[in-house]
C-alpha atoms as a PDB file:
ATOM      1  CA  MET A   1     268.670 149.453   9.200  1.00  0.00           C
ATOM      2  CA  SER A   2     267.934 147.685  12.226  1.00  0.00           C
ATOM      3  CA  ARG A   3     267.749 143.876  12.530  1.00  0.00           C
ATOM      4  CA  ALA A   4     264.260 143.913  13.422  1.00  0.00           C
ATOM      5  CA  ALA A   5     263.533 146.108  10.293  1.00  0.00           C
ATOM      6  CA  VAL A   6     265.301 143.630   8.107  1.00  0.00           C
ATOM      7  CA  ASN A   7     263.550 140.641   9.496  1.00  0.00           C
ATOM      8  CA  THR A   8     260.260 142.415   8.906  1.00  0.00           C
ATOM      9  CA  SER A   9     261.148 143.356   5.192  1.00  0.00           C
ATOM     10  CA  TRP A  10     261.843 139.660   4.458  1.00  0.00           C
ATOM     11  CA  ALA A  11     259.033 138.466   6.189  1.00  0.00           C
ATOM     12  CA  GLY A  12     256.556 140.526   4.019  1.00  0.00           C
ATOM     13  CA  ARG A  13     258.470 139.461   0.719  1.00  0.00           C
ATOM     14  CA  ASP A  14     258.080 135.842   1.687  1.00  0.00           C
ATOM     15  CA  ARG A  15     254.350 136.450   2.305  1.00  0.00           C
ATOM     16  CA  ARG A  16     253.984 138.071  -1.296  1.00  0.00           C
ATOM     17  CA  THR A  17     255.916 135.184  -2.646  1.00  0.00           C
ATOM     18  CA  ARG A  18     253.504 132.668  -1.301  1.00  0.00           C
ATOM     19  CA  ARG A  19     250.402 134.394  -2.428  1.00  0.00           C
ATOM     20  CA  SER A  20     251.477 134.334  -6.039  1.00  0.00           C
ATOM     21  CA  GLY A  21     251.339 130.528  -6.416  1.00  0.00           C
ATOM     22  CA  PHE A  22     248.405 127.922  -6.293  1.00  0.00           C
ATOM     23  CA  THR A  23     247.652 125.660  -3.388  1.00  0.00           C
ATOM     24  CA  LEU A  24     247.185 121.895  -3.892  1.00  0.00           C
ATOM     25  CA  VAL A  25     243.415 122.164  -3.331  1.00  0.00           C
ATOM     26  CA  GLU A  26     242.915 124.965  -5.989  1.00  0.00           C
ATOM     27  CA  VAL A  27     244.785 122.827  -8.573  1.00  0.00           C
ATOM     28  CA  LEU A  28     242.791 119.574  -7.980  1.00  0.00           C
ATOM     29  CA  LEU A  29     239.651 121.784  -8.088  1.00  0.00           C
ATOM     30  CA  ALA A  30     240.895 123.071 -11.576  1.00  0.00           C
ATOM     31  CA  ILE A  31     241.719 119.696 -12.644  1.00  0.00           C
ATOM     32  CA  THR A  32     238.212 118.421 -11.678  1.00  0.00           C
ATOM     33  CA  ILE A  33     236.286 121.271 -13.196  1.00  0.00           C
ATOM     34  CA  LEU A  34     238.267 120.657 -16.523  1.00  0.00           C
ATOM     35  CA  SER A  35     237.616 117.029 -16.547  1.00  0.00           C
ATOM     36  CA  LEU A  36     233.892 117.572 -16.004  1.00  0.00           C
ATOM     37  CA  VAL A  37     234.084 120.130 -19.085  1.00  0.00           C
ATOM     38  CA  ILE A  38     235.992 117.564 -21.408  1.00  0.00           C
ATOM     39  CA  SER A  39     233.673 114.738 -20.260  1.00  0.00           C
ATOM     40  CA  SER A  40     230.545 116.858 -21.242  1.00  0.00           C
ATOM     41  CA  VAL A  41     232.006 117.786 -24.498  1.00  0.00           C
ATOM     42  CA  TYR A  42     232.889 114.108 -25.630  1.00  0.00           C
ATOM     43  CA  ALA A  43     229.611 112.921 -24.452  1.00  0.00           C
ATOM     44  CA  THR A  44     227.749 115.294 -26.630  1.00  0.00           C
ATOM     45  CA  TRP A  45     230.009 114.629 -29.531  1.00  0.00           C
ATOM     46  CA  SER A  46     229.942 110.916 -29.184  1.00  0.00           C
ATOM     47  CA  ALA A  47     226.036 111.106 -29.000  1.00  0.00           C
ATOM     48  CA  THR A  48     226.162 113.460 -32.137  1.00  0.00           C
ATOM     49  CA  LEU A  49     228.260 111.089 -33.923  1.00  0.00           C
ATOM     50  CA  ASN A  50     226.481 108.004 -32.991  1.00  0.00           C
ATOM     51  CA  ALA A  51     223.182 109.410 -34.320  1.00  0.00           C
ATOM     52  CA  TRP A  52     224.633 110.623 -37.538  1.00  0.00           C
ATOM     53  CA  ARG A  53     226.004 107.074 -38.093  1.00  0.00           C
ATOM     54  CA  ARG A  54     222.485 105.499 -37.388  1.00  0.00           C
ATOM     55  CA  GLY A  55     220.884 107.909 -39.429  1.00  0.00           C
ATOM     56  CA  SER A  56     223.598 107.121 -42.368  1.00  0.00           C
ATOM     57  CA  ASP A  57     223.075 103.568 -41.839  1.00  0.00           C
ATOM     58  CA  ALA A  58     219.432 103.681 -42.255  1.00  0.00           C
ATOM     59  CA  SER A  59     219.586 105.747 -45.177  1.00  0.00           C
ATOM     60  CA  GLU A  60     221.718 103.215 -46.811  1.00  0.00           C
ATOM     61  CA  ALA A  61     219.464 100.364 -45.727  1.00  0.00           C
ATOM     62  CA  PHE A  62     216.464 102.170 -47.041  1.00  0.00           C
ATOM     63  CA  GLN A  63     218.542 102.789 -50.433  1.00  0.00           C
ATOM     64  CA  ARG A  64     219.401  99.132 -50.759  1.00  0.00           C
ATOM     65  CA  GLN A  65     215.867  98.104 -50.102  1.00  0.00           C
ATOM     66  CA  ARG A  66     214.506 100.658 -53.011  1.00  0.00           C
ATOM     67  CA  ILE A  67     217.031  99.260 -55.408  1.00  0.00           C
ATOM     68  CA  VAL A  68     215.591  95.805 -54.948  1.00  0.00           C
ATOM     69  CA  MET A  69     212.122  96.536 -55.042  1.00  0.00           C
ATOM     70  CA  ASP A  70     212.655  98.860 -58.255  1.00  0.00           C
ATOM     71  CA  THR A  71     214.602  95.842 -59.748  1.00  0.00           C
ATOM     72  CA  LEU A  72     211.564  93.444 -59.435  1.00  0.00           C
ATOM     73  CA  THR A  73     209.330  96.118 -60.405  1.00  0.00           C
ATOM     74  CA  GLU A  74     211.153  96.498 -63.829  1.00  0.00           C
ATOM     75  CA  LEU A  75     211.627  93.045 -64.275  1.00  0.00           C
ATOM     76  CA  ALA A  76     207.968  92.329 -63.810  1.00  0.00           C
ATOM     77  CA  GLN A  77     206.640  95.070 -65.900  1.00  0.00           C
ATOM     78  CA  SER A  78     208.843  93.853 -68.784  1.00  0.00           C
ATOM     79  CA  VAL A  79     207.280  90.431 -68.612  1.00  0.00           C
ATOM     80  CA  VAL A  80     207.236  88.900 -72.419  1.00  0.00           C
ATOM     81  CA  TYR A  81     204.439  86.375 -73.263  1.00  0.00           C
ATOM     82  CA  PHE A  82     203.165  85.271 -76.682  1.00  0.00           C
ATOM     83  CA  ASN A  83     200.143  83.033 -77.145  1.00  0.00           C
ATOM     84  CA  SER A  84     201.589  81.081 -79.774  1.00  0.00           C
ATOM     85  CA  SER A  85     204.270  79.429 -77.548  1.00  0.00           C
ATOM     86  CA  PRO A  86     202.612  79.343 -74.035  1.00  0.00           C
ATOM     87  CA  ASP A  87     204.865  76.798 -72.621  1.00  0.00           C
ATOM     88  CA  LEU A  88     208.113  78.817 -73.606  1.00  0.00           C
ATOM     89  CA  TYR A  89     206.958  82.097 -72.025  1.00  0.00           C
ATOM     90  CA  ALA A  90     205.070  80.650 -69.102  1.00  0.00           C
ATOM     91  CA  VAL A  91     205.067  82.555 -65.783  1.00  0.00           C
ATOM     92  CA  THR A  92     205.612  79.826 -62.898  1.00  0.00           C
ATOM     93  CA  GLY A  93     205.349  80.673 -59.192  1.00  0.00           C
ATOM     94  CA  THR A  94     205.988  77.850 -56.572  1.00  0.00           C
ATOM     95  CA  SER A  95     206.357  77.989 -52.625  1.00  0.00           C
ATOM     96  CA  LYS A  96     208.557  76.487 -50.396  1.00  0.00           C
ATOM     97  CA  PRO A  97     207.241  76.095 -46.859  1.00  0.00           C
ATOM     98  CA  ASN A  98     209.416  78.007 -44.257  1.00  0.00           C
ATOM     99  CA  TRP A  99     211.910  78.969 -46.900  1.00  0.00           C
ATOM    100  CA  GLY A 100     210.422  81.506 -49.592  1.00  0.00           C
ATOM    101  CA  ASP A 101     208.915  81.449 -52.878  1.00  0.00           C
ATOM    102  CA  SER A 102     210.335  81.363 -56.447  1.00  0.00           C
ATOM    103  CA  VAL A 103     209.229  82.744 -59.469  1.00  0.00           C
ATOM    104  CA  SER A 104     209.995  82.631 -62.833  1.00  0.00           C
ATOM    105  CA  PHE A 105     209.250  84.524 -66.137  1.00  0.00           C
ATOM    106  CA  VAL A 106     210.433  85.850 -69.414  1.00  0.00           C
ATOM    107  CA  THR A 107     211.565  89.643 -69.442  1.00  0.00           C
ATOM    108  CA  ALA A 108     212.829  92.145 -72.168  1.00  0.00           C
ATOM    109  CA  SER A 109     214.316  94.332 -69.264  1.00  0.00           C
ATOM    110  CA  ASP A 110     218.224  94.236 -68.911  1.00  0.00           C
ATOM    111  CA  VAL A 111     218.365  95.289 -65.452  1.00  0.00           C
ATOM    112  CA  ALA A 112     220.619  93.385 -63.068  1.00  0.00           C
ATOM    113  CA  LEU A 113     222.194  91.469 -65.966  1.00  0.00           C
ATOM    114  CA  PRO A 114     225.971  91.219 -65.573  1.00  0.00           C
ATOM    115  CA  PRO A 115     228.275  91.847 -68.481  1.00  0.00           C
ATOM    116  CA  SER A 116     229.220  88.171 -68.494  1.00  0.00           C
ATOM    117  CA  GLU A 117     225.805  87.149 -69.640  1.00  0.00           C
ATOM    118  CA  ALA A 118     225.301  90.041 -72.278  1.00  0.00           C
ATOM    119  CA  ILE A 119     224.281  87.433 -74.733  1.00  0.00           C
ATOM    120  CA  ASP A 120     220.985  87.221 -73.064  1.00  0.00           C
ATOM    121  CA  ALA A 121     220.243  90.766 -73.556  1.00  0.00           C
ATOM    122  CA  GLY A 122     216.836  91.671 -75.085  1.00  0.00           C
ATOM    123  CA  MET A 123     214.946  88.535 -73.935  1.00  0.00           C
ATOM    124  CA  ARG A 124     215.764  86.373 -70.943  1.00  0.00           C
ATOM    125  CA  ARG A 125     214.370  83.872 -68.455  1.00  0.00           C
ATOM    126  CA  VAL A 126     214.695  85.142 -65.189  1.00  0.00           C
ATOM    127  CA  THR A 127     214.329  82.888 -61.811  1.00  0.00           C
ATOM    128  CA  ILE A 128     214.038  84.872 -58.616  1.00  0.00           C
ATOM    129  CA  SER A 129     214.074  82.930 -55.044  1.00  0.00           C
ATOM    130  CA  MET A 130     215.759  82.735 -51.745  1.00  0.00           C
ATOM    131  CA  GLU A 131     219.149  80.712 -51.937  1.00  0.00           C
ATOM    132  CA  GLN A 132     221.798  79.799 -49.362  1.00  0.00           C
ATOM    133  CA  ASP A 133     225.380  80.319 -49.664  1.00  0.00           C
ATOM    134  CA  ASP A 134     228.259  78.038 -48.461  1.00  0.00           C
ATOM    135  CA  TYR A 135     227.992  79.394 -44.808  1.00  0.00           C
ATOM    136  CA  SER A 136     224.419  78.563 -44.608  1.00  0.00           C
ATOM    137  CA  ARG A 137     223.422  82.360 -45.038  1.00  0.00           C
ATOM    138  CA  LYS A 138     220.052  83.197 -47.024  1.00  0.00           C
ATOM    139  CA  TYR A 139     220.141  85.601 -49.830  1.00  0.00           C
ATOM    140  CA  LEU A 140     217.851  87.043 -52.420  1.00  0.00           C
ATOM    141  CA  ALA A 141     219.078  85.373 -55.899  1.00  0.00           C
ATOM    142  CA  LEU A 142     218.503  85.927 -59.410  1.00  0.00           C
ATOM    143  CA  VAL A 143     219.388  83.447 -62.080  1.00  0.00           C
ATOM    144  CA  ASN A 144     219.517  84.611 -65.777  1.00  0.00           C
ATOM    145  CA  ALA A 145     218.916  82.102 -68.519  1.00  0.00           C
ATOM    146  CA  PRO A 146     218.167  82.411 -72.316  1.00  0.00           C
ATOM    147  CA  ALA A 147     214.448  82.705 -73.011  1.00  0.00           C
ATOM    148  CA  ILE A 148     214.647  79.778 -75.403  1.00  0.00           C
ATOM    149  CA  SER A 149     217.346  77.144 -75.922  1.00  0.00           C
ATOM    150  CA  VAL A 150     217.766  74.309 -78.662  1.00  0.00           C
ATOM    151  CA  ASP A 151     219.225  70.885 -77.856  1.00  0.00           C
ATOM    152  CA  GLN A 152     221.036  68.714 -80.035  1.00  0.00           C
ATOM    153  CA  SER A 153     217.886  67.327 -81.640  1.00  0.00           C
ATOM    154  CA  ASN A 154     217.060  70.958 -82.695  1.00  0.00           C
ATOM    155  CA  THR A 155     213.936  70.860 -80.273  1.00  0.00           C
ATOM    156  CA  VAL A 156     213.100  74.061 -79.023  1.00  0.00           C
ATOM    157  CA  SER A 157     212.405  74.074 -75.185  1.00  0.00           C
ATOM    158  CA  VAL A 158     212.444  76.027 -71.850  1.00  0.00           C
ATOM    159  CA  SER A 159     215.823  76.761 -70.477  1.00  0.00           C
ATOM    160  CA  ASN A 160     216.953  74.954 -67.462  1.00  0.00           C
ATOM    161  CA  THR A 161     218.070  77.190 -64.877  1.00  0.00           C
ATOM    162  CA  SER A 162     219.367  74.525 -62.256  1.00  0.00           C
ATOM    163  CA  THR A 163     222.729  74.449 -63.430  1.00  0.00           C
ATOM    164  CA  LEU A 164     223.278  78.348 -63.938  1.00  0.00           C
ATOM    165  CA  GLN A 165     224.869  80.541 -61.745  1.00  0.00           C
ATOM    166  CA  ALA A 166     222.749  82.513 -59.069  1.00  0.00           C
ATOM    167  CA  HIS A 167     223.584  86.227 -58.769  1.00  0.00           C
ATOM    168  CA  VAL A 168     223.262  87.956 -55.348  1.00  0.00           C
ATOM    169  CA  LEU A 169     220.306  90.654 -55.665  1.00  0.00           C
ATOM    170  CA  SER A 170     220.604  91.418 -51.820  1.00  0.00           C
ATOM    171  CA  THR A 171     222.194  89.557 -48.742  1.00  0.00           C
ATOM    172  CA  ASP A 172     220.032  91.741 -46.358  1.00  0.00           C
ATOM    173  CA  VAL A 173     216.838  89.836 -47.229  1.00  0.00           C
ATOM    174  CA  SER A 174     215.325  87.094 -45.022  1.00  0.00           C
ATOM    175  CA  GLY A 175     211.996  86.229 -46.411  1.00  0.00           C
ATOM    176  CA  PHE A 176     210.453  86.291 -50.098  1.00  0.00           C
ATOM    177  CA  SER A 177     206.910  85.689 -51.153  1.00  0.00           C
ATOM    178  CA  VAL A 178     204.924  86.293 -54.381  1.00  0.00           C
ATOM    179  CA  ARG A 179     201.163  86.446 -55.225  1.00  0.00           C
ATOM    180  CA  TYR A 180     199.441  86.240 -58.460  1.00  0.00           C
ATOM    181  CA  LEU A 181     196.320  88.194 -59.573  1.00  0.00           C
ATOM    182  CA  ASP A 182     194.098  85.787 -61.796  1.00  0.00           C
ATOM    183  CA  PRO A 183     192.490  88.077 -64.531  1.00  0.00           C
ATOM    184  CA  ARG A 184     189.551  85.695 -64.936  1.00  0.00           C
ATOM    185  CA  ASP A 185     188.094  86.224 -61.278  1.00  0.00           C
ATOM    186  CA  GLY A 186     190.322  88.696 -59.721  1.00  0.00           C
ATOM    187  CA  THR A 187     191.387  86.663 -57.065  1.00  0.00           C
ATOM    188  CA  TRP A 188     194.995  86.613 -55.572  1.00  0.00           C
ATOM    189  CA  TYR A 189     196.761  83.027 -55.550  1.00  0.00           C
ATOM    190  CA  ASP A 190     199.853  81.699 -53.886  1.00  0.00           C
ATOM    191  CA  LYS A 191     200.934  79.872 -56.830  1.00  0.00           C
ATOM    192  CA  TRP A 192     200.796  80.156 -60.687  1.00  0.00           C
ATOM    193  CA  GLU A 193     201.063  77.041 -62.813  1.00  0.00           C
ATOM    194  CA  ASP A 194     198.678  78.106 -65.828  1.00  0.00           C
ATOM    195  CA  SER A 195     201.010  78.323 -68.921  1.00  0.00           C
ATOM    196  CA  SER A 196     197.986  79.385 -71.121  1.00  0.00           C
ATOM    197  CA  LEU A 197     197.533  82.576 -69.159  1.00  0.00           C
ATOM    198  CA  ILE A 198     199.819  85.031 -67.403  1.00  0.00           C
ATOM    199  CA  PRO A 199     198.548  86.870 -64.199  1.00  0.00           C
ATOM    200  CA  SER A 200     197.487  90.564 -64.548  1.00  0.00           C
ATOM    201  CA  ALA A 201     199.584  91.520 -61.504  1.00  0.00           C
ATOM    202  CA  MET A 202     202.223  89.972 -59.108  1.00  0.00           C
ATOM    203  CA  GLU A 203     202.749  91.284 -55.581  1.00  0.00           C
ATOM    204  CA  PHE A 204     206.132  91.067 -54.064  1.00  0.00           C
ATOM    205  CA  THR A 205     206.772  90.683 -50.156  1.00  0.00           C
ATOM    206  CA  VAL A 206     210.329  91.355 -49.234  1.00  0.00           C
ATOM    207  CA  VAL A 207     211.466  90.932 -45.680  1.00  0.00           C
ATOM    208  CA  PHE A 208     214.666  93.103 -45.202  1.00  0.00           C
ATOM    209  CA  GLY A 209     216.814  92.465 -42.082  1.00  0.00           C
ATOM    210  CA  GLN A 210     217.514  89.727 -39.726  1.00  0.00           C
ATOM    211  CA  GLN A 211     216.208  88.936 -36.200  1.00  0.00           C
ATOM    212  CA  GLY A 212     218.714  90.199 -33.696  1.00  0.00           C
ATOM    213  CA  GLY A 213     220.319  92.641 -36.449  1.00  0.00           C
ATOM    214  CA  ARG A 214     221.186  96.203 -35.981  1.00  0.00           C
ATOM    215  CA  PHE A 215     217.781  97.158 -37.261  1.00  0.00           C
ATOM    216  CA  PRO A 216     214.570  95.570 -36.766  1.00  0.00           C
ATOM    217  CA  PRO A 217     213.268  93.286 -39.907  1.00  0.00           C
ATOM    218  CA  VAL A 218     211.285  95.595 -42.394  1.00  0.00           C
ATOM    219  CA  VAL A 219     208.471  93.901 -44.568  1.00  0.00           C
ATOM    220  CA  VAL A 220     208.018  95.819 -47.999  1.00  0.00           C
ATOM    221  CA  THR A 221     205.098  94.564 -50.124  1.00  0.00           C
ATOM    222  CA  ARG A 222     204.730  95.983 -53.656  1.00  0.00           C
ATOM    223  CA  ALA A 223     202.031  95.143 -56.352  1.00  0.00           C
ATOM    224  CA  ILE A 224     202.918  95.451 -59.892  1.00  0.00           C
ATOM    225  CA  ASP A 225     200.757  95.371 -62.932  1.00  0.00           C
ATOM    226  CA  LEU A 226     201.964  93.244 -66.150  1.00  0.00           C
ATOM    227  CA  PRO A 227     201.391  95.576 -69.102  1.00  0.00           C
ATOM    228  CA  VAL A 228     201.119  92.752 -71.571  1.00  0.00           C
ATOM    229  CA  ALA A 229     198.676  90.902 -69.532  1.00  0.00           C
ATOM    230  CA  ALA A 230     195.883  93.148 -70.689  1.00  0.00           C
ATOM    231  CA  PHE A 231     196.806  91.940 -74.448  1.00  0.00           C
ATOM    232  CA  VAL A 232     197.038  88.144 -73.273  1.00  0.00           C
ATOM    233  CA  ALA A 233     193.543  88.481 -71.465  1.00  0.00           C
ATOM    234  CA  GLN A 234     191.967  90.269 -74.542  1.00  0.00           C
ATOM    235  CA  GLY A 235     193.368  87.286 -76.711  1.00  0.00           C
ATOM    236  CA  ALA A 236     191.806  84.743 -74.373  1.00  0.00           C
ATOM    237  CA  GLY A 237     188.445  86.631 -74.502  1.00  0.00           C
ATOM    238  CA  ILE A 238     188.511  87.654 -70.764  1.00  0.00           C
ATOM    239  CA  PRO A 239     186.335  90.778 -70.281  1.00  0.00           C
ATOM    240  CA  GLY A 240     188.036  93.637 -68.909  1.00  0.00           C
ATOM    241  CA  GLY A 241     191.553  92.933 -70.619  1.00  0.00           C
ATOM    242  CA  GLY A 242     193.145  91.702 -67.055  1.00  0.00           C
ATOM    243  CA  GLN A 243     193.692  95.476 -66.083  1.00  0.00           C
ATOM    244  CA  SER A 244     194.045  95.660 -62.175  1.00  0.00           C
ATOM    245  CA  ASN A 245     195.556  98.991 -61.315  1.00  0.00           C
ATOM    246  CA  THR A 246     197.081  97.561 -58.276  1.00  0.00           C
ATOM    247  CA  ASN A 247     200.613  99.360 -58.429  1.00  0.00           C
ATOM    248  CA  ALA A 248     201.110 100.264 -54.721  1.00  0.00           C
ATOM    249  CA  THR A 249     203.860  99.688 -52.014  1.00  0.00           C
ATOM    250  CA  THR A 250     203.411  99.183 -48.309  1.00  0.00           C
ATOM    251  CA  THR A 251     206.131  98.884 -45.707  1.00  0.00           C
ATOM    252  CA  GLN A 252     205.726  97.518 -42.270  1.00  0.00           C
ATOM    253  CA  ALA A 253     208.425  97.664 -39.704  1.00  0.00           C
ATOM    254  CA  ASN A 254     209.109  95.503 -36.534  1.00  0.00           C
ATOM    255  CA  PRO A 255     207.544  92.401 -38.174  1.00  0.00           C
ATOM    256  CA  SER A 256     206.870  89.874 -34.978  1.00  0.00           C
ATOM    257  CA  SER A 257     208.699  86.350 -35.437  1.00  0.00           C
ATOM    258  CA  GLN A 258     206.562  83.066 -35.025  1.00  0.00           C
ATOM    259  CA  THR A 259     208.330  79.864 -34.965  1.00  0.00           C
ATOM    260  CA  SER A 260     206.929  77.090 -37.433  1.00  0.00           C
ATOM    261  CA  GLY A 261     206.553  73.465 -36.464  1.00  0.00           C
ATOM    262  CA  SER A 262     210.041  72.737 -37.856  1.00  0.00           C
ATOM    263  CA  GLY A 263     211.908  75.122 -35.637  1.00  0.00           C
ATOM    264  CA  GLN A 264     212.832  77.693 -38.160  1.00  0.00           C
ATOM    265  CA  SER A 265     211.798  81.623 -37.745  1.00  0.00           C
ATOM    266  CA  GLN A 266     208.753  82.804 -39.884  1.00  0.00           C
ATOM    267  CA  TYR A 267     208.201  86.543 -40.031  1.00  0.00           C
ATOM    268  CA  VAL A 268     204.768  87.771 -39.580  1.00  0.00           C
ATOM    269  CA  PRO A 269     203.601  91.247 -39.766  1.00  0.00           C
ATOM    270  CA  PRO A 270     201.673  93.012 -37.145  1.00  0.00           C
ATOM    271  CA  GLY A 271     198.016  92.146 -37.123  1.00  0.00           C
ATOM    272  CA  MET A 272     198.197  88.920 -39.017  1.00  0.00           C
ATOM    273  CA  ALA A 273     198.089  85.481 -37.924  1.00  0.00           C
ATOM    274  CA  PRO A 274     200.969  82.959 -38.503  1.00  0.00           C
ATOM    275  CA  GLY A 275     200.653  81.529 -41.900  1.00  0.00           C
ATOM    276  CA  GLN A 276     198.334  84.180 -43.327  1.00  0.00           C
ATOM    277  CA  ARG A 277     199.755  85.858 -46.507  1.00  0.00           C
ATOM    278  CA  PRO A 278     199.822  89.790 -46.810  1.00  0.00           C
END
């Protein structure tokens, strides 16, 4: 074989060898396409995961709200009252401007009663109000006390709840208000101080969430009939027996925020003027 033929043979092999590899441009193009595919898959997966987390958080928040409202409902529906001792079983409701309402009554329900206070099971006085922890954070609190207490002189009196432990009903509550339906004229009042009678219904309004939180504040309002109020009203000679048929729940999302004169925020549902009660 001549030298020219040998050179031609080696040149052909060299060209075939070079064709079997990838050029730098091809490698860079493949890497770019792979990066785009991975980025697209990650973006889709991340969006799906975030949506699932938001849905899960919203579901948990709704569940916590339902538990709080159901607890208030059961406590109110189990109100106990005896005409023979009106001062011991009185329903009292007060309001603190720019802070929240407080309501106290005797109930036969054991809901939200910790084991350490099981001695009060069967009948206890509960006080529900907004309180503040050591870090100045608001929460909805429940205080349990014996329905009747006897002092050293064997005198029966209403239990003092100021020195009792406050239990947390919810740390996600930023507002709490109560209204009372008078069985005599069917009017809703912001306070209740009449120990000789109890309201035929109580309306709880709870603001869940904080301004600037992950979710916008949600206002939940629920009106609860007090079954025992019918018998109390009949005993007082009130026509109609105090029946109201007001059991209902309303929910309002995205309440606007108004600033009171003291500089504190007050939540106002849409369509309502500042200071107007729901």
